[in-house]
Amino acid sequence: MDDTVIVGVDGSPSSLAAADVAAEEARLRGARLRIVHAFARPADLDPMIHGVLAETEQRIHERVPGLDVTRSVVSGDALTVLRTESRHAVLTVLGRRGRSLFGDLLLGSTSMQLAAHGHGPLTVVRGRPDPHGPVLLAADGSPAGNAAASFAFREAELRGAPLTAMHVWNTWSESTPYEDPGDPLSVVVDLDQLEQRHRNLLEGVIQPWATAHQGVAVQQRVERGRVRQTLLAATREAQLVVAGARGHGGVAGMLLGSVSQALLHHADCPVTVVRTLG
């Protein structure tokens, strides 16, 4: 990856909001910003270059003076173009929904496929406008979840924001804690023991990153409940939620987990999906 943040733009209000967020992310990182537009019909090209893209670039320069901004106009479908562009970015930013080539964003396959198959973190700008609160980390101890933890701590540090590390568990998705699963006593669940196990899991996830980012104030939240519903409720008080692309309990071969999908569709703040490092 180089020091570039990319943003997919098509002139829709959603993509303009994404451009604003991407510009701020580039500023925080001291990175360049590249505005990307994919086109299929040559007739669409001239108005886009001389109209929407120029206006978007001007808007960014007004909001973040001095930012290094370039444009990339590429022939092809949105998914293919953005996936290729994401190979060379520290972060890719998209709006909740757009028009034309980005029209199915978050309603069809584009964002889901990019989150599953893209290169590097993907942020989708959605939810309430100008969100405030901590950076929210959805932690589950999976490899992708650990990659998300690294990103979340770095993001909180850049923003000067606190971080809430949240782990949600429930008994119906819990493996037995007993040596012999065939033992009839294995149906007896020690809830205190289970909760402590999950507290230890969360502590293990965040400890190395908290040590590396000691200026970040961290709140640990371990809650028993339905994972997706509990995390979605927590996004109402967060400025960003960060999750791994696929966590524990996912279906084999499924590159984008149900929790990440739920957040992309329903979170009340921007969502960053992080694929496993390496």
Protein backbone atom coordinates (compact mmCIF):
# COMPACT_ATOMS: atom_id res chain seq x y z
CA MET A 1 0.00 0.00 0.00
CA ASP A 2 1.11 3.57 -0.64
CA ASP A 3 0.06 6.70 1.25
CA THR A 4 -3.16 7.27 -0.69
CA VAL A 5 -6.80 7.35 0.38
CA ILE A 6 -9.23 6.74 -2.48
CA VAL A 7 -12.89 7.69 -2.72
CA GLY A 8 -15.49 6.55 -5.24
CA VAL A 9 -17.42 9.55 -6.60
CA ASP A 10 -20.39 9.80 -8.97
CA GLY A 11 -21.88 13.18 -8.06
CA SER A 12 -24.60 11.87 -5.76
CA PRO A 13 -25.05 13.50 -2.32
CA SER A 14 -23.86 10.25 -0.74
CA SER A 15 -20.61 10.25 -2.70
CA LEU A 16 -20.01 13.91 -1.83
CA ALA A 17 -20.34 13.00 1.85
CA ALA A 18 -17.86 10.19 1.25
CA ALA A 19 -15.46 12.67 -0.37
CA ASP A 20 -15.64 14.87 2.73
CA VAL A 21 -14.82 11.92 4.99
CA ALA A 22 -12.07 10.68 2.70
CA ALA A 23 -10.47 14.13 2.64
CA GLU A 24 -10.40 14.23 6.43
CA GLU A 25 -8.95 10.71 6.60
CA ALA A 26 -6.22 11.73 4.16
CA ARG A 27 -5.48 14.86 6.21
CA LEU A 28 -5.20 12.87 9.42
CA ARG A 29 -2.73 10.46 7.81
CA GLY A 30 -0.75 13.06 5.89
CA ALA A 31 -1.75 11.06 2.80
CA ARG A 32 -2.81 11.92 -0.72
CA LEU A 33 -6.44 11.69 -1.84
CA ARG A 34 -7.47 10.20 -5.17
CA ILE A 35 -10.99 10.74 -6.50
CA VAL A 36 -12.07 7.71 -8.53
CA HIS A 37 -14.87 7.48 -11.07
CA ALA A 38 -15.72 4.45 -13.20
CA PHE A 39 -17.59 4.92 -16.46
CA ALA A 40 -19.13 2.53 -18.96
CA ARG A 41 -20.43 4.92 -21.62
CA PRO A 42 -18.08 7.45 -23.28
CA ALA A 43 -20.97 9.94 -23.47
CA ASP A 44 -20.90 10.20 -19.67
CA LEU A 45 -17.21 11.01 -19.50
CA ASP A 46 -16.93 14.67 -20.50
CA PRO A 47 -19.69 16.00 -18.19
CA MET A 48 -18.26 13.99 -15.31
CA ILE A 49 -14.68 15.22 -15.74
CA HIS A 50 -15.53 18.87 -16.31
CA GLY A 51 -18.50 18.97 -13.98
CA VAL A 52 -18.88 16.69 -10.99
CA LEU A 53 -15.25 15.68 -10.49
CA ALA A 54 -13.98 19.24 -10.82
CA GLU A 55 -16.62 20.47 -8.38
CA THR A 56 -15.78 17.68 -5.94
CA GLU A 57 -12.08 18.52 -6.09
CA GLN A 58 -12.83 22.19 -5.50
CA ARG A 59 -15.05 21.28 -2.56
CA ILE A 60 -12.24 19.22 -1.04
CA HIS A 61 -9.66 21.99 -1.46
CA GLU A 62 -12.02 24.40 0.30
CA ARG A 63 -12.55 22.02 3.20
CA VAL A 64 -8.96 20.80 3.51
CA PRO A 65 -6.59 23.42 2.03
CA GLY A 66 -3.26 22.10 0.85
CA LEU A 67 -4.37 18.48 0.49
CA ASP A 68 -2.75 16.63 -2.41
CA VAL A 69 -5.71 15.63 -4.60
CA THR A 70 -5.72 13.75 -7.90
CA ARG A 71 -8.46 12.27 -10.09
CA SER A 72 -8.67 8.82 -11.62
CA VAL A 73 -11.28 8.26 -14.36
CA VAL A 74 -11.35 4.64 -15.49
CA SER A 75 -13.42 2.70 -18.00
CA GLY A 76 -15.09 -0.31 -16.40
CA ASP A 77 -17.64 -1.44 -13.86
CA ALA A 78 -17.48 0.05 -10.37
CA LEU A 79 -16.54 -3.15 -8.56
CA THR A 80 -13.62 -4.00 -10.86
CA VAL A 81 -12.30 -0.44 -10.91
CA LEU A 82 -12.53 0.06 -7.15
CA ARG A 83 -11.03 -3.33 -6.39
CA THR A 84 -8.04 -2.53 -8.60
CA GLU A 85 -7.67 0.96 -7.14
CA SER A 86 -7.85 -0.39 -3.58
CA ARG A 87 -4.61 -2.33 -4.13
CA HIS A 88 -2.72 0.95 -3.84
CA ALA A 89 -4.63 2.60 -1.00
CA VAL A 90 -4.37 2.73 2.77
CA LEU A 91 -8.13 3.23 2.85
CA THR A 92 -11.03 3.13 0.38
CA VAL A 93 -14.11 5.28 1.10
CA LEU A 94 -17.56 4.95 -0.46
CA GLY A 95 -20.93 6.57 0.08
CA ARG A 96 -23.99 4.71 1.29
CA ARG A 97 -25.61 4.79 -2.11
CA GLY A 98 -25.05 6.58 -5.39
CA ARG A 99 -26.37 6.69 -8.89
CA SER A 100 -25.38 5.23 -12.25
CA LEU A 101 -22.51 2.79 -11.73
CA PHE A 102 -22.63 3.19 -7.97
CA GLY A 103 -26.42 2.96 -7.85
CA ASP A 104 -26.59 -0.44 -6.16
CA LEU A 105 -24.17 0.47 -3.38
CA LEU A 106 -25.27 -1.23 -0.14
CA LEU A 107 -28.42 -2.44 -1.86
CA GLY A 108 -26.78 -4.85 -4.28
CA SER A 109 -23.45 -6.58 -4.61
CA THR A 110 -20.93 -3.75 -5.08
CA SER A 111 -20.10 -2.88 -1.49
CA MET A 112 -20.50 -6.44 -0.25
CA GLN A 113 -18.15 -7.74 -2.93
CA LEU A 114 -15.62 -4.97 -2.34
CA ALA A 115 -15.69 -5.56 1.42
CA ALA A 116 -15.11 -9.28 0.81
CA HIS A 117 -12.62 -9.10 -2.05
CA GLY A 118 -11.05 -5.64 -1.90
CA HIS A 119 -7.53 -4.85 -0.80
CA GLY A 120 -7.22 -2.99 2.48
CA PRO A 121 -9.81 -1.37 4.75
CA LEU A 122 -13.11 -0.14 3.30
CA THR A 123 -15.11 2.67 4.92
CA VAL A 124 -18.76 3.13 3.96
CA VAL A 125 -20.17 6.52 4.99
CA ARG A 126 -23.67 6.00 6.34
CA GLY A 127 -25.80 6.71 9.40
CA ARG A 128 -26.45 10.05 11.06
CA PRO A 129 -24.67 13.16 9.75
CA ASP A 130 -21.54 14.40 11.55
CA PRO A 131 -21.48 11.57 14.11
CA HIS A 132 -19.71 12.05 17.43
CA GLY A 133 -18.62 9.65 20.15
CA PRO A 134 -15.95 6.99 20.49
CA VAL A 135 -14.54 4.73 17.82
CA LEU A 136 -16.38 1.43 18.31
CA LEU A 137 -14.48 -1.82 17.81
CA ALA A 138 -16.47 -5.02 17.24
CA ALA A 139 -14.09 -7.54 18.82
CA ASP A 140 -14.40 -11.31 18.57
CA GLY A 141 -10.85 -12.66 18.73
CA SER A 142 -10.77 -13.86 15.11
CA PRO A 143 -7.80 -13.06 12.82
CA ALA A 144 -9.90 -10.49 10.93
CA GLY A 145 -11.07 -9.11 14.27
CA ASN A 146 -7.47 -8.64 15.38
CA ALA A 147 -6.71 -6.77 12.14
CA ALA A 148 -9.74 -4.60 12.87
CA ALA A 149 -8.42 -3.91 16.38
CA SER A 150 -5.15 -2.63 14.95
CA PHE A 151 -7.01 -0.31 12.58
CA ALA A 152 -9.45 0.90 15.26
CA PHE A 153 -6.71 1.88 17.71
CA ARG A 154 -4.83 3.72 14.99
CA GLU A 155 -8.01 5.50 13.90
CA ALA A 156 -8.88 6.53 17.46
CA GLU A 157 -5.36 7.87 17.91
CA LEU A 158 -5.54 9.88 14.68
CA ARG A 159 -8.94 11.33 15.61
CA GLY A 160 -8.02 12.04 19.22
CA ALA A 161 -11.06 9.98 20.21
CA PRO A 162 -11.66 7.35 22.89
CA LEU A 163 -12.16 3.74 21.84
CA THR A 164 -14.92 1.39 22.96
CA ALA A 165 -13.94 -2.24 22.51
CA MET A 166 -17.13 -4.29 22.51
CA HIS A 167 -17.49 -8.06 22.63
CA VAL A 168 -20.94 -9.62 22.52
CA TRP A 169 -21.59 -13.23 23.46
CA ASN A 170 -24.52 -15.54 24.03
CA THR A 171 -25.07 -19.09 25.23
CA TRP A 172 -26.66 -20.49 22.07
CA SER A 173 -23.51 -19.87 20.05
CA GLU A 174 -21.19 -21.00 22.86
CA SER A 175 -19.19 -24.21 22.66
CA THR A 176 -19.30 -26.42 25.75
CA PRO A 177 -16.66 -25.64 28.39
CA TYR A 178 -16.54 -29.26 29.53
CA GLU A 179 -13.97 -31.90 28.70
CA ASP A 180 -16.53 -34.44 27.48
CA PRO A 181 -19.28 -32.97 25.26
CA GLY A 182 -21.18 -36.25 25.65
CA ASP A 183 -21.47 -35.83 29.39
CA PRO A 184 -25.10 -34.99 30.32
CA LEU A 185 -23.76 -32.37 32.70
CA SER A 186 -22.42 -30.45 29.71
CA VAL A 187 -25.86 -28.88 29.28
CA VAL A 188 -25.28 -27.04 32.56
CA VAL A 189 -23.77 -23.65 31.82
CA ASP A 190 -21.83 -21.61 34.36
CA LEU A 191 -22.69 -18.09 33.17
CA ASP A 192 -20.16 -16.41 35.43
CA GLN A 193 -17.43 -18.67 34.07
CA LEU A 194 -18.50 -17.99 30.50
CA GLU A 195 -18.60 -14.24 31.03
CA GLN A 196 -15.12 -14.29 32.55
CA ARG A 197 -13.87 -16.29 29.57
CA HIS A 198 -15.20 -13.63 27.22
CA ARG A 199 -13.73 -10.83 29.32
CA ASN A 200 -10.38 -12.56 29.06
CA LEU A 201 -10.84 -12.88 25.30
CA LEU A 202 -11.51 -9.16 24.92
CA GLU A 203 -8.57 -8.28 27.12
CA GLY A 204 -6.34 -10.47 24.97
CA VAL A 205 -7.55 -8.77 21.79
CA ILE A 206 -6.94 -5.20 22.89
CA GLN A 207 -3.90 -5.56 25.18
CA PRO A 208 -1.14 -5.39 22.54
CA TRP A 209 -2.78 -2.48 20.72
CA ALA A 210 -3.50 -0.59 23.93
CA THR A 211 0.19 -0.93 24.79
CA ALA A 212 1.17 0.38 21.35
CA HIS A 213 -1.30 3.29 21.53
CA GLN A 214 -1.13 4.36 25.16
CA GLY A 215 -2.66 7.76 24.45
CA VAL A 216 -5.99 6.17 23.49
CA ALA A 217 -8.55 5.96 26.29
CA VAL A 218 -10.18 2.52 26.14
CA GLN A 219 -13.49 1.31 27.50
CA GLN A 220 -14.10 -2.45 27.48
CA ARG A 221 -17.68 -3.64 27.09
CA VAL A 222 -18.60 -7.31 27.34
CA GLU A 223 -22.31 -7.87 26.82
CA ARG A 224 -24.50 -10.92 26.60
CA GLY A 225 -27.10 -10.70 23.83
CA ARG A 226 -27.72 -10.98 20.13
CA VAL A 227 -24.52 -9.91 18.44
CA ARG A 228 -25.84 -7.92 15.48
CA GLN A 229 -28.63 -6.16 17.36
CA THR A 230 -26.36 -5.24 20.29
CA LEU A 231 -23.62 -3.83 18.07
CA LEU A 232 -26.10 -1.91 15.92
CA ALA A 233 -27.54 -0.28 19.04
CA ALA A 234 -24.04 0.75 20.10
CA THR A 235 -23.43 2.50 16.76
CA ARG A 236 -25.99 5.14 17.76
CA GLU A 237 -23.39 6.61 20.11
CA ALA A 238 -20.23 6.07 18.02
CA GLN A 239 -18.48 8.17 15.38
CA LEU A 240 -17.17 5.07 13.57
CA VAL A 241 -17.56 1.31 13.94
CA VAL A 242 -14.74 -1.02 12.89
CA ALA A 243 -15.20 -4.74 12.26
CA GLY A 244 -13.34 -7.61 10.64
CA ALA A 245 -14.55 -8.88 7.30
CA ARG A 246 -15.34 -12.30 8.72
CA GLY A 247 -15.29 -13.35 12.35
CA HIS A 248 -15.73 -16.54 14.34
CA GLY A 249 -18.83 -18.54 13.59
CA GLY A 250 -18.93 -17.62 9.91
CA VAL A 251 -19.95 -20.06 7.21
CA ALA A 252 -16.96 -21.76 5.57
CA GLY A 253 -16.07 -20.04 2.32
CA MET A 254 -18.03 -16.94 3.20
CA LEU A 255 -15.65 -13.98 2.95
CA LEU A 256 -17.97 -11.38 4.44
CA GLY A 257 -19.61 -12.28 7.74
CA SER A 258 -23.16 -11.58 8.81
CA VAL A 259 -22.08 -9.03 11.43
CA SER A 260 -20.15 -6.98 8.87
CA GLN A 261 -23.09 -7.16 6.46
CA ALA A 262 -25.53 -6.03 9.15
CA LEU A 263 -23.32 -3.06 10.04
CA LEU A 264 -22.92 -2.06 6.38
CA HIS A 265 -26.68 -2.11 5.91
CA HIS A 266 -27.95 -0.72 9.21
CA ALA A 267 -25.27 1.04 11.33
CA ASP A 268 -26.03 4.56 12.53
CA CYS A 269 -22.47 5.76 11.84
CA PRO A 270 -19.78 5.12 9.21
CA VAL A 271 -18.51 1.53 9.01
CA THR A 272 -14.98 0.32 8.32
CA VAL A 273 -14.53 -3.33 7.33
CA VAL A 274 -10.98 -4.67 7.69
CA ARG A 275 -9.71 -7.81 6.03
CA THR A 276 -7.16 -10.09 7.72
CA LEU A 277 -3.66 -8.67 7.70
CA GLY A 278 -1.26 -10.44 5.36
